[in-house]
Amino acid sequence: LQRDGEELLNIDSVVGNLQAEIEAIHMRMAVQQEKRRVVETRILQNRARISPMRFLPTEILQQIFKSCLPNDRYVIPHILSAPLLLCQICRRWRDIAQATPELW
């Protein structure tokens, strides 16, 4: 009977050790996931910096913006359509859209 009690204590000890290892692994995993998130954010930022759209001349973007306008003669401005939507993309697009009288 004493032997069974000792074996049970040993098993409890093993389970406790395994649980501690699992918790340590979860902590390391959380740290690695945060590092991965930081790296993925930097990747997205760098991709945005080298995007071909950033190098299009203003005149080309103005033509593209004009082609985004609805064909209707009388349009009720909406935040989710050109030209208002174009102004929400980035500072450069907002500046270009605001400087293009044909959009307004």
PDB file of N, CA and C in Angstrom:
ATOM      1  N   LEU A   1       0.818  -1.197   0.000  1.00  0.00           N
ATOM      2  CA  LEU A   1       0.000   0.000   0.000  1.00  0.00           C
ATOM      3  C   LEU A   1       0.864   1.264   0.000  1.00  0.00           C
ATOM      4  N   GLN A   2       1.926   1.202   0.803  1.00  0.00           N
ATOM      5  CA  GLN A   2       2.834   2.350   0.850  1.00  0.00           C
ATOM      6  C   GLN A   2       3.491   2.533  -0.515  1.00  0.00           C
ATOM      7  N   ARG A   3       3.786   1.424  -1.149  1.00  0.00           N
ATOM      8  CA  ARG A   3       4.412   1.463  -2.470  1.00  0.00           C
ATOM      9  C   ARG A   3       3.485   2.135  -3.489  1.00  0.00           C
ATOM     10  N   ASP A   4       2.201   1.822  -3.421  1.00  0.00           N
ATOM     11  CA  ASP A   4       1.228   2.452  -4.313  1.00  0.00           C
ATOM     12  C   ASP A   4       1.154   3.957  -4.062  1.00  0.00           C
ATOM     13  N   GLY A   5       1.230   4.345  -2.811  1.00  0.00           N
ATOM     14  CA  GLY A   5       1.213   5.764  -2.460  1.00  0.00           C
ATOM     15  C   GLY A   5       2.431   6.491  -2.997  1.00  0.00           C
ATOM     16  N   GLU A   6       3.602   5.836  -2.890  1.00  0.00           N
ATOM     17  CA  GLU A   6       4.831   6.441  -3.426  1.00  0.00           C
ATOM     18  C   GLU A   6       4.754   6.558  -4.942  1.00  0.00           C
ATOM     19  N   GLU A   7       4.230   5.517  -5.584  1.00  0.00           N
ATOM     20  CA  GLU A   7       4.105   5.550  -7.045  1.00  0.00           C
ATOM     21  C   GLU A   7       3.147   6.666  -7.468  1.00  0.00           C
ATOM     22  N   LEU A   8       2.074   6.831  -6.722  1.00  0.00           N
ATOM     23  CA  LEU A   8       1.125   7.901  -7.012  1.00  0.00           C
ATOM     24  C   LEU A   8       1.774   9.277  -6.851  1.00  0.00           C
ATOM     25  N   LEU A   9       2.598   9.438  -5.821  1.00  0.00           N
ATOM     26  CA  LEU A   9       3.327  10.693  -5.633  1.00  0.00           C
ATOM     27  C   LEU A   9       4.294  10.934  -6.782  1.00  0.00           C
ATOM     28  N   ASN A  10       4.980   9.876  -7.218  1.00  0.00           N
ATOM     29  CA  ASN A  10       5.903  10.003  -8.355  1.00  0.00           C
ATOM     30  C   ASN A  10       5.153  10.410  -9.615  1.00  0.00           C
ATOM     31  N   ILE A  11       4.006   9.785  -9.839  1.00  0.00           N
ATOM     32  CA  ILE A  11       3.209  10.120 -11.023  1.00  0.00           C
ATOM     33  C   ILE A  11       2.738  11.568 -10.933  1.00  0.00           C
ATOM     34  N   ASP A  12       2.276  11.983  -9.771  1.00  0.00           N
ATOM     35  CA  ASP A  12       1.863  13.383  -9.584  1.00  0.00           C
ATOM     36  C   ASP A  12       3.020  14.340  -9.852  1.00  0.00           C
ATOM     37  N   SER A  13       4.200  13.959  -9.410  1.00  0.00           N
ATOM     38  CA  SER A  13       5.389  14.784  -9.630  1.00  0.00           C
ATOM     39  C   SER A  13       5.702  14.884 -11.117  1.00  0.00           C
ATOM     40  N   VAL A  14       5.619  13.753 -11.824  1.00  0.00           N
ATOM     41  CA  VAL A  14       5.873  13.746 -13.272  1.00  0.00           C
ATOM     42  C   VAL A  14       4.848  14.627 -13.979  1.00  0.00           C
ATOM     43  N   VAL A  15       3.588  14.488 -13.608  1.00  0.00           N
ATOM     44  CA  VAL A  15       2.533  15.307 -14.218  1.00  0.00           C
ATOM     45  C   VAL A  15       2.792  16.789 -13.940  1.00  0.00           C
ATOM     46  N   GLY A  16       3.180  17.119 -12.739  1.00  0.00           N
ATOM     47  CA  GLY A  16       3.492  18.509 -12.399  1.00  0.00           C
ATOM     48  C   GLY A  16       4.648  19.046 -13.215  1.00  0.00           C
ATOM     49  N   ASN A  17       5.689  18.228 -13.374  1.00  0.00           N
ATOM     50  CA  ASN A  17       6.840  18.642 -14.188  1.00  0.00           C
ATOM     51  C   ASN A  17       6.434  18.849 -15.643  1.00  0.00           C
ATOM     52  N   LEU A  18       5.625  17.922 -16.160  1.00  0.00           N
ATOM     53  CA  LEU A  18       5.168  18.057 -17.545  1.00  0.00           C
ATOM     54  C   LEU A  18       4.317  19.316 -17.719  1.00  0.00           C
ATOM     55  N   GLN A  19       3.464  19.589 -16.753  1.00  0.00           N
ATOM     56  CA  GLN A  19       2.636  20.793 -16.824  1.00  0.00           C
ATOM     57  C   GLN A  19       3.504  22.049 -16.811  1.00  0.00           C
ATOM     58  N   ALA A  20       4.538  22.055 -15.989  1.00  0.00           N
ATOM     59  CA  ALA A  20       5.456  23.200 -15.939  1.00  0.00           C
ATOM     60  C   ALA A  20       6.169  23.364 -17.275  1.00  0.00           C
ATOM     61  N   GLU A  21       6.580  22.257 -17.889  1.00  0.00           N
ATOM     62  CA  GLU A  21       7.234  22.320 -19.200  1.00  0.00           C
ATOM     63  C   GLU A  21       6.278  22.867 -20.252  1.00  0.00           C
ATOM     64  N   ILE A  22       5.035  22.401 -20.205  1.00  0.00           N
ATOM     65  CA  ILE A  22       4.030  22.882 -21.160  1.00  0.00           C
ATOM     66  C   ILE A  22       3.831  24.387 -21.009  1.00  0.00           C
ATOM     67  N   GLU A  23       3.742  24.869 -19.789  1.00  0.00           N
ATOM     68  CA  GLU A  23       3.567  26.303 -19.555  1.00  0.00           C
ATOM     69  C   GLU A  23       4.775  27.092 -20.047  1.00  0.00           C
ATOM     70  N   ALA A  24       5.972  26.553 -19.838  1.00  0.00           N
ATOM     71  CA  ALA A  24       7.184  27.222 -20.323  1.00  0.00           C
ATOM     72  C   ALA A  24       7.187  27.275 -21.847  1.00  0.00           C
ATOM     73  N   ILE A  25       6.759  26.181 -22.476  1.00  0.00           N
ATOM     74  CA  ILE A  25       6.687  26.148 -23.943  1.00  0.00           C
ATOM     75  C   ILE A  25       5.671  27.170 -24.438  1.00  0.00           C
ATOM     76  N   HIS A  26       4.529  27.259 -23.762  1.00  0.00           N
ATOM     77  CA  HIS A  26       3.516  28.252 -24.150  1.00  0.00           C
ATOM     78  C   HIS A  26       4.070  29.673 -24.035  1.00  0.00           C
ATOM     79  N   MET A  27       4.839  29.933 -23.006  1.00  0.00           N
ATOM     80  CA  MET A  27       5.442  31.262 -22.844  1.00  0.00           C
ATOM     81  C   MET A  27       6.428  31.545 -23.972  1.00  0.00           C
ATOM     82  N   ARG A  28       7.284  30.566 -24.271  1.00  0.00           N
ATOM     83  CA  ARG A  28       8.246  30.753 -25.370  1.00  0.00           C
ATOM     84  C   ARG A  28       7.509  30.941 -26.694  1.00  0.00           C
ATOM     85  N   MET A  29       6.425  30.188 -26.869  1.00  0.00           N
ATOM     86  CA  MET A  29       5.655  30.305 -28.095  1.00  0.00           C
ATOM     87  C   MET A  29       5.038  31.700 -28.211  1.00  0.00           C
ATOM     88  N   ALA A  30       4.532  32.234 -27.122  1.00  0.00           N
ATOM     89  CA  ALA A  30       3.950  33.579 -27.138  1.00  0.00           C
ATOM     90  C   ALA A  30       5.008  34.618 -27.499  1.00  0.00           C
ATOM     91  N   VAL A  31       6.205  34.456 -26.957  1.00  0.00           N
ATOM     92  CA  VAL A  31       7.305  35.380 -27.272  1.00  0.00           C
ATOM     93  C   VAL A  31       7.642  35.294 -28.758  1.00  0.00           C
ATOM     94  N   GLN A  32       7.725  34.071 -29.284  1.00  0.00           N
ATOM     95  CA  GLN A  32       8.057  33.889 -30.696  1.00  0.00           C
ATOM     96  C   GLN A  32       6.951  34.436 -31.602  1.00  0.00           C
ATOM     97  N   GLN A  33       5.705  34.255 -31.206  1.00  0.00           N
ATOM     98  CA  GLN A  33       4.601  34.792 -32.002  1.00  0.00           C
ATOM     99  C   GLN A  33       4.637  36.314 -32.035  1.00  0.00           C
ATOM    100  N   GLU A  34       4.993  36.939 -30.938  1.00  0.00           N
ATOM    101  CA  GLU A  34       5.112  38.398 -30.913  1.00  0.00           C
ATOM    102  C   GLU A  34       6.257  38.853 -31.809  1.00  0.00           C
ATOM    103  N   LYS A  35       7.384  38.146 -31.757  1.00  0.00           N
ATOM    104  CA  LYS A  35       8.507  38.483 -32.643  1.00  0.00           C
ATOM    105  C   LYS A  35       8.084  38.343 -34.102  1.00  0.00           C
ATOM    106  N   ARG A  36       7.336  37.282 -34.399  1.00  0.00           N
ATOM    107  CA  ARG A  36       6.865  37.066 -35.766  1.00  0.00           C
ATOM    108  C   ARG A  36       5.940  38.205 -36.197  1.00  0.00           C
ATOM    109  N   ARG A  37       5.045  38.634 -35.301  1.00  0.00           N
ATOM    110  CA  ARG A  37       4.134  39.728 -35.623  1.00  0.00           C
ATOM    111  C   ARG A  37       4.901  41.006 -35.947  1.00  0.00           C
ATOM    112  N   VAL A  38       5.950  41.281 -35.171  1.00  0.00           N
ATOM    113  CA  VAL A  38       6.770  42.472 -35.403  1.00  0.00           C
ATOM    114  C   VAL A  38       7.445  42.390 -36.768  1.00  0.00           C
ATOM    115  N   VAL A  39       7.998  41.223 -37.092  1.00  0.00           N
ATOM    116  CA  VAL A  39       8.674  41.046 -38.381  1.00  0.00           C
ATOM    117  C   VAL A  39       7.672  41.167 -39.527  1.00  0.00           C
ATOM    118  N   GLU A  40       6.491  40.571 -39.383  1.00  0.00           N
ATOM    119  CA  GLU A  40       5.482  40.670 -40.440  1.00  0.00           C
ATOM    120  C   GLU A  40       5.040  42.116 -40.651  1.00  0.00           C
ATOM    121  N   THR A  41       4.943  42.879 -39.579  1.00  0.00           N
ATOM    122  CA  THR A  41       4.589  44.295 -39.693  1.00  0.00           C
ATOM    123  C   THR A  41       5.668  45.046 -40.460  1.00  0.00           C
ATOM    124  N   ARG A  42       6.929  44.762 -40.149  1.00  0.00           N
ATOM    125  CA  ARG A  42       8.030  45.420 -40.873  1.00  0.00           C
ATOM    126  C   ARG A  42       8.025  45.029 -42.343  1.00  0.00           C
ATOM    127  N   ILE A  43       7.715  43.774 -42.635  1.00  0.00           N
ATOM    128  CA  ILE A  43       7.641  43.330 -44.030  1.00  0.00           C
ATOM    129  C   ILE A  43       6.571  44.124 -44.768  1.00  0.00           C
ATOM    130  N   LEU A  44       5.390  44.257 -44.164  1.00  0.00           N
ATOM    131  CA  LEU A  44       4.308  45.007 -44.808  1.00  0.00           C
ATOM    132  C   LEU A  44       4.689  46.465 -45.024  1.00  0.00           C
ATOM    133  N   GLN A  45       5.356  47.058 -44.048  1.00  0.00           N
ATOM    134  CA  GLN A  45       5.782  48.454 -44.186  1.00  0.00           C
ATOM    135  C   GLN A  45       6.793  48.599 -45.317  1.00  0.00           C
ATOM    136  N   ASN A  46       7.723  47.666 -45.406  1.00  0.00           N
ATOM    137  CA  ASN A  46       8.732  47.744 -46.463  1.00  0.00           C
ATOM    138  C   ASN A  46       8.124  47.486 -47.831  1.00  0.00           C
ATOM    139  N   ARG A  47       7.168  46.573 -47.913  1.00  0.00           N
ATOM    140  CA  ARG A  47       6.497  46.332 -49.194  1.00  0.00           C
ATOM    141  C   ARG A  47       5.773  47.589 -49.652  1.00  0.00           C
ATOM    142  N   ALA A  48       5.145  48.272 -48.705  1.00  0.00           N
ATOM    143  CA  ALA A  48       4.425  49.499 -49.057  1.00  0.00           C
ATOM    144  C   ALA A  48       5.392  50.556 -49.583  1.00  0.00           C
ATOM    145  N   ARG A  49       6.584  50.613 -49.008  1.00  0.00           N
ATOM    146  CA  ARG A  49       7.569  51.617 -49.445  1.00  0.00           C
ATOM    147  C   ARG A  49       8.060  51.377 -50.863  1.00  0.00           C
ATOM    148  N   ILE A  50       8.109  50.114 -51.279  1.00  0.00           N
ATOM    149  CA  ILE A  50       8.641  49.822 -52.615  1.00  0.00           C
ATOM    150  C   ILE A  50       7.537  49.502 -53.618  1.00  0.00           C
ATOM    151  N   SER A  51       6.300  49.735 -53.233  1.00  0.00           N
ATOM    152  CA  SER A  51       5.176  49.465 -54.116  1.00  0.00           C
ATOM    153  C   SER A  51       5.298  50.298 -55.392  1.00  0.00           C
ATOM    154  N   PRO A  52       5.040  49.692 -56.542  1.00  0.00           N
ATOM    155  CA  PRO A  52       5.097  50.446 -57.808  1.00  0.00           C
ATOM    156  C   PRO A  52       4.140  51.641 -57.824  1.00  0.00           C
ATOM    157  N   MET A  53       3.045  51.553 -57.076  1.00  0.00           N
ATOM    158  CA  MET A  53       2.094  52.666 -57.032  1.00  0.00           C
ATOM    159  C   MET A  53       2.736  53.939 -56.496  1.00  0.00           C
ATOM    160  N   ARG A  54       3.724  53.788 -55.659  1.00  0.00           N
ATOM    161  CA  ARG A  54       4.386  54.971 -55.084  1.00  0.00           C
ATOM    162  C   ARG A  54       5.200  55.726 -56.130  1.00  0.00           C
ATOM    163  N   PHE A  55       5.533  55.054 -57.211  1.00  0.00           N
ATOM    164  CA  PHE A  55       6.408  55.669 -58.205  1.00  0.00           C
ATOM    165  C   PHE A  55       5.659  56.138 -59.448  1.00  0.00           C
ATOM    166  N   LEU A  56       4.332  55.975 -59.453  1.00  0.00           N
ATOM    167  CA  LEU A  56       3.561  56.482 -60.586  1.00  0.00           C
ATOM    168  C   LEU A  56       3.570  58.005 -60.568  1.00  0.00           C
ATOM    169  N   PRO A  57       3.769  58.611 -61.721  1.00  0.00           N
ATOM    170  CA  PRO A  57       3.733  60.075 -61.781  1.00  0.00           C
ATOM    171  C   PRO A  57       2.340  60.595 -61.397  1.00  0.00           C
ATOM    172  N   THR A  58       2.322  61.789 -60.875  1.00  0.00           N
ATOM    173  CA  THR A  58       1.073  62.420 -60.448  1.00  0.00           C
ATOM    174  C   THR A  58       0.060  62.467 -61.584  1.00  0.00           C
ATOM    175  N   GLU A  59       0.514  62.780 -62.781  1.00  0.00           N
ATOM    176  CA  GLU A  59      -0.395  62.903 -63.928  1.00  0.00           C
ATOM    177  C   GLU A  59      -1.105  61.580 -64.219  1.00  0.00           C
ATOM    178  N   ILE A  60      -0.391  60.471 -64.086  1.00  0.00           N
ATOM    179  CA  ILE A  60      -0.996  59.151 -64.319  1.00  0.00           C
ATOM    180  C   ILE A  60      -2.052  58.878 -63.244  1.00  0.00           C
ATOM    181  N   LEU A  61      -1.707  59.168 -62.001  1.00  0.00           N
ATOM    182  CA  LEU A  61      -2.679  58.961 -60.924  1.00  0.00           C
ATOM    183  C   LEU A  61      -3.915  59.835 -61.124  1.00  0.00           C
ATOM    184  N   GLN A  62      -3.725  61.055 -61.594  1.00  0.00           N
ATOM    185  CA  GLN A  62      -4.878  61.921 -61.847  1.00  0.00           C
ATOM    186  C   GLN A  62      -5.798  61.299 -62.899  1.00  0.00           C
ATOM    187  N   GLN A  63      -5.217  60.742 -63.944  1.00  0.00           N
ATOM    188  CA  GLN A  63      -6.023  60.090 -64.981  1.00  0.00           C
ATOM    189  C   GLN A  63      -6.773  58.885 -64.417  1.00  0.00           C
ATOM    190  N   ILE A  64      -6.087  58.110 -63.594  1.00  0.00           N
ATOM    191  CA  ILE A  64      -6.725  56.950 -62.960  1.00  0.00           C
ATOM    192  C   ILE A  64      -7.868  57.417 -62.066  1.00  0.00           C
ATOM    193  N   PHE A  65      -7.618  58.453 -61.292  1.00  0.00           N
ATOM    194  CA  PHE A  65      -8.649  58.971 -60.391  1.00  0.00           C
ATOM    195  C   PHE A  65      -9.872  59.440 -61.179  1.00  0.00           C
ATOM    196  N   LYS A  66      -9.638  60.138 -62.275  1.00  0.00           N
ATOM    197  CA  LYS A  66     -10.759  60.624 -63.088  1.00  0.00           C
ATOM    198  C   LYS A  66     -11.581  59.460 -63.634  1.00  0.00           C
ATOM    199  N   SER A  67     -10.908  58.368 -63.962  1.00  0.00           N
ATOM    200  CA  SER A  67     -11.638  57.213 -64.494  1.00  0.00           C
ATOM    201  C   SER A  67     -12.447  56.497 -63.409  1.00  0.00           C
ATOM    202  N   CYS A  68     -12.178  56.806 -62.162  1.00  0.00           N
ATOM    203  CA  CYS A  68     -12.936  56.213 -61.046  1.00  0.00           C
ATOM    204  C   CYS A  68     -14.250  56.931 -60.788  1.00  0.00           C
ATOM    205  N   LEU A  69     -14.415  58.088 -61.366  1.00  0.00           N
ATOM    206  CA  LEU A  69     -15.636  58.860 -61.115  1.00  0.00           C
ATOM    207  C   LEU A  69     -16.846  58.142 -61.695  1.00  0.00           C
ATOM    208  N   PRO A  70     -17.987  58.247 -61.024  1.00  0.00           N
ATOM    209  CA  PRO A  70     -19.213  57.656 -61.568  1.00  0.00           C
ATOM    210  C   PRO A  70     -19.624  58.376 -62.851  1.00  0.00           C
ATOM    211  N   ASN A  71     -20.333  57.673 -63.701  1.00  0.00           N
ATOM    212  CA  ASN A  71     -20.754  58.244 -64.984  1.00  0.00           C
ATOM    213  C   ASN A  71     -22.000  59.111 -64.866  1.00  0.00           C
ATOM    214  N   ASP A  72     -22.683  59.027 -63.738  1.00  0.00           N
ATOM    215  CA  ASP A  72     -23.903  59.809 -63.548  1.00  0.00           C
ATOM    216  C   ASP A  72     -23.578  61.298 -63.503  1.00  0.00           C
ATOM    217  N   ARG A  73     -24.500  62.064 -64.042  1.00  0.00           N
ATOM    218  CA  ARG A  73     -24.288  63.513 -64.060  1.00  0.00           C
ATOM    219  C   ARG A  73     -24.426  64.114 -62.663  1.00  0.00           C
ATOM    220  N   TYR A  74     -25.437  63.678 -61.923  1.00  0.00           N
ATOM    221  CA  TYR A  74     -25.671  64.191 -60.576  1.00  0.00           C
ATOM    222  C   TYR A  74     -25.429  63.059 -59.588  1.00  0.00           C
ATOM    223  N   VAL A  75     -24.385  63.199 -58.842  1.00  0.00           N
ATOM    224  CA  VAL A  75     -23.991  62.147 -57.905  1.00  0.00           C
ATOM    225  C   VAL A  75     -24.036  62.704 -56.490  1.00  0.00           C
ATOM    226  N   ILE A  76     -24.592  61.920 -55.598  1.00  0.00           N
ATOM    227  CA  ILE A  76     -24.560  62.289 -54.180  1.00  0.00           C
ATOM    228  C   ILE A  76     -23.234  61.787 -53.624  1.00  0.00           C
ATOM    229  N   PRO A  77     -22.404  62.681 -53.108  1.00  0.00           N
ATOM    230  CA  PRO A  77     -21.097  62.248 -52.593  1.00  0.00           C
ATOM    231  C   PRO A  77     -21.256  61.198 -51.495  1.00  0.00           C
ATOM    232  N   HIS A  78     -20.414  60.201 -51.563  1.00  0.00           N
ATOM    233  CA  HIS A  78     -20.426  59.137 -50.555  1.00  0.00           C
ATOM    234  C   HIS A  78     -18.987  58.827 -50.171  1.00  0.00           C
ATOM    235  N   ILE A  79     -18.770  58.582 -48.903  1.00  0.00           N
ATOM    236  CA  ILE A  79     -17.423  58.353 -48.370  1.00  0.00           C
ATOM    237  C   ILE A  79     -16.754  57.126 -48.989  1.00  0.00           C
ATOM    238  N   LEU A  80     -17.562  56.186 -49.511  1.00  0.00           N
ATOM    239  CA  LEU A  80     -17.003  54.953 -50.070  1.00  0.00           C
ATOM    240  C   LEU A  80     -16.919  54.970 -51.589  1.00  0.00           C
ATOM    241  N   SER A  81     -16.986  56.146 -52.185  1.00  0.00           N
ATOM    242  CA  SER A  81     -16.824  56.232 -53.634  1.00  0.00           C
ATOM    243  C   SER A  81     -15.944  57.429 -53.975  1.00  0.00           C
ATOM    244  N   ALA A  82     -15.447  57.416 -55.210  1.00  0.00           N
ATOM    245  CA  ALA A  82     -14.563  58.491 -55.651  1.00  0.00           C
ATOM    246  C   ALA A  82     -15.360  59.787 -55.688  1.00  0.00           C
ATOM    247  N   PRO A  83     -14.747  60.890 -55.408  1.00  0.00           N
ATOM    248  CA  PRO A  83     -13.351  61.107 -55.057  1.00  0.00           C
ATOM    249  C   PRO A  83     -13.058  61.003 -53.558  1.00  0.00           C
ATOM    250  N   LEU A  84     -14.098  60.943 -52.732  1.00  0.00           N
ATOM    251  CA  LEU A  84     -13.859  60.927 -51.279  1.00  0.00           C
ATOM    252  C   LEU A  84     -13.052  59.702 -50.839  1.00  0.00           C
ATOM    253  N   LEU A  85     -13.338  58.566 -51.432  1.00  0.00           N
ATOM    254  CA  LEU A  85     -12.608  57.349 -51.068  1.00  0.00           C
ATOM    255  C   LEU A  85     -11.125  57.491 -51.402  1.00  0.00           C
ATOM    256  N   LEU A  86     -10.819  58.086 -52.525  1.00  0.00           N
ATOM    257  CA  LEU A  86      -9.418  58.258 -52.930  1.00  0.00           C
ATOM    258  C   LEU A  86      -8.646  59.092 -51.913  1.00  0.00           C
ATOM    259  N   CYS A  87      -9.327  60.022 -51.289  1.00  0.00           N
ATOM    260  CA  CYS A  87      -8.671  60.889 -50.302  1.00  0.00           C
ATOM    261  C   CYS A  87      -8.325  60.156 -49.009  1.00  0.00           C
ATOM    262  N   GLN A  88      -8.848  58.964 -48.837  1.00  0.00           N
ATOM    263  CA  GLN A  88      -8.610  58.212 -47.604  1.00  0.00           C
ATOM    264  C   GLN A  88      -7.462  57.208 -47.721  1.00  0.00           C
ATOM    265  N   ILE A  89      -6.914  57.024 -48.901  1.00  0.00           N
ATOM    266  CA  ILE A  89      -5.897  55.990 -49.105  1.00  0.00           C
ATOM    267  C   ILE A  89      -4.576  56.368 -48.446  1.00  0.00           C
ATOM    268  N   CYS A  90      -4.054  57.500 -48.798  1.00  0.00           N
ATOM    269  CA  CYS A  90      -2.793  57.960 -48.206  1.00  0.00           C
ATOM    270  C   CYS A  90      -2.687  59.468 -48.432  1.00  0.00           C
ATOM    271  N   ARG A  91      -1.697  60.069 -47.805  1.00  0.00           N
ATOM    272  CA  ARG A  91      -1.528  61.523 -47.896  1.00  0.00           C
ATOM    273  C   ARG A  91      -1.298  61.960 -49.343  1.00  0.00           C
ATOM    274  N   ARG A  92      -0.476  61.220 -50.075  1.00  0.00           N
ATOM    275  CA  ARG A  92      -0.181  61.605 -51.465  1.00  0.00           C
ATOM    276  C   ARG A  92      -1.451  61.570 -52.309  1.00  0.00           C
ATOM    277  N   TRP A  93      -2.220  60.502 -52.179  1.00  0.00           N
ATOM    278  CA  TRP A  93      -3.449  60.396 -52.960  1.00  0.00           C
ATOM    279  C   TRP A  93      -4.422  61.513 -52.584  1.00  0.00           C
ATOM    280  N   ARG A  94      -4.509  61.833 -51.308  1.00  0.00           N
ATOM    281  CA  ARG A  94      -5.402  62.915 -50.881  1.00  0.00           C
ATOM    282  C   ARG A  94      -4.961  64.234 -51.520  1.00  0.00           C
ATOM    283  N   ASP A  95      -3.654  64.507 -51.474  1.00  0.00           N
ATOM    284  CA  ASP A  95      -3.138  65.750 -52.056  1.00  0.00           C
ATOM    285  C   ASP A  95      -3.413  65.810 -53.554  1.00  0.00           C
ATOM    286  N   ILE A  96      -3.200  64.689 -54.232  1.00  0.00           N
ATOM    287  CA  ILE A  96      -3.432  64.652 -55.684  1.00  0.00           C
ATOM    288  C   ILE A  96      -4.917  64.843 -55.987  1.00  0.00           C
ATOM    289  N   ALA A  97      -5.759  64.124 -55.261  1.00  0.00           N
ATOM    290  CA  ALA A  97      -7.206  64.235 -55.499  1.00  0.00           C
ATOM    291  C   ALA A  97      -7.687  65.663 -55.246  1.00  0.00           C
ATOM    292  N   GLN A  98      -7.231  66.269 -54.173  1.00  0.00           N
ATOM    293  CA  GLN A  98      -7.662  67.629 -53.855  1.00  0.00           C
ATOM    294  C   GLN A  98      -7.131  68.646 -54.863  1.00  0.00           C
ATOM    295  N   ALA A  99      -6.017  68.323 -55.498  1.00  0.00           N
ATOM    296  CA  ALA A  99      -5.427  69.240 -56.481  1.00  0.00           C
ATOM    297  C   ALA A  99      -5.932  68.971 -57.897  1.00  0.00           C
ATOM    298  N   THR A 100      -6.887  68.075 -58.043  1.00  0.00           N
ATOM    299  CA  THR A 100      -7.425  67.737 -59.365  1.00  0.00           C
ATOM    300  C   THR A 100      -8.853  68.262 -59.455  1.00  0.00           C
ATOM    301  N   PRO A 101      -9.044  69.439 -60.047  1.00  0.00           N
ATOM    302  CA  PRO A 101     -10.371  70.072 -60.064  1.00  0.00           C
ATOM    303  C   PRO A 101     -11.444  69.216 -60.745  1.00  0.00           C
ATOM    304  N   GLU A 102     -11.058  68.404 -61.722  1.00  0.00           N
ATOM    305  CA  GLU A 102     -12.045  67.594 -62.446  1.00  0.00           C
ATOM    306  C   GLU A 102     -12.746  66.574 -61.540  1.00  0.00           C
ATOM    307  N   LEU A 103     -12.155  66.272 -60.404  1.00  0.00           N
ATOM    308  CA  LEU A 103     -12.771  65.314 -59.479  1.00  0.00           C
ATOM    309  C   LEU A 103     -13.891  65.951 -58.668  1.00  0.00           C
ATOM    310  N   TRP A 104     -13.899  67.282 -58.621  1.00  0.00           N
ATOM    311  CA  TRP A 104     -14.844  67.966 -57.747  1.00  0.00           C
ATOM    312  C   TRP A 104     -15.809  68.768 -58.575  1.00  0.00           C
TER     313      TRP A 104
END
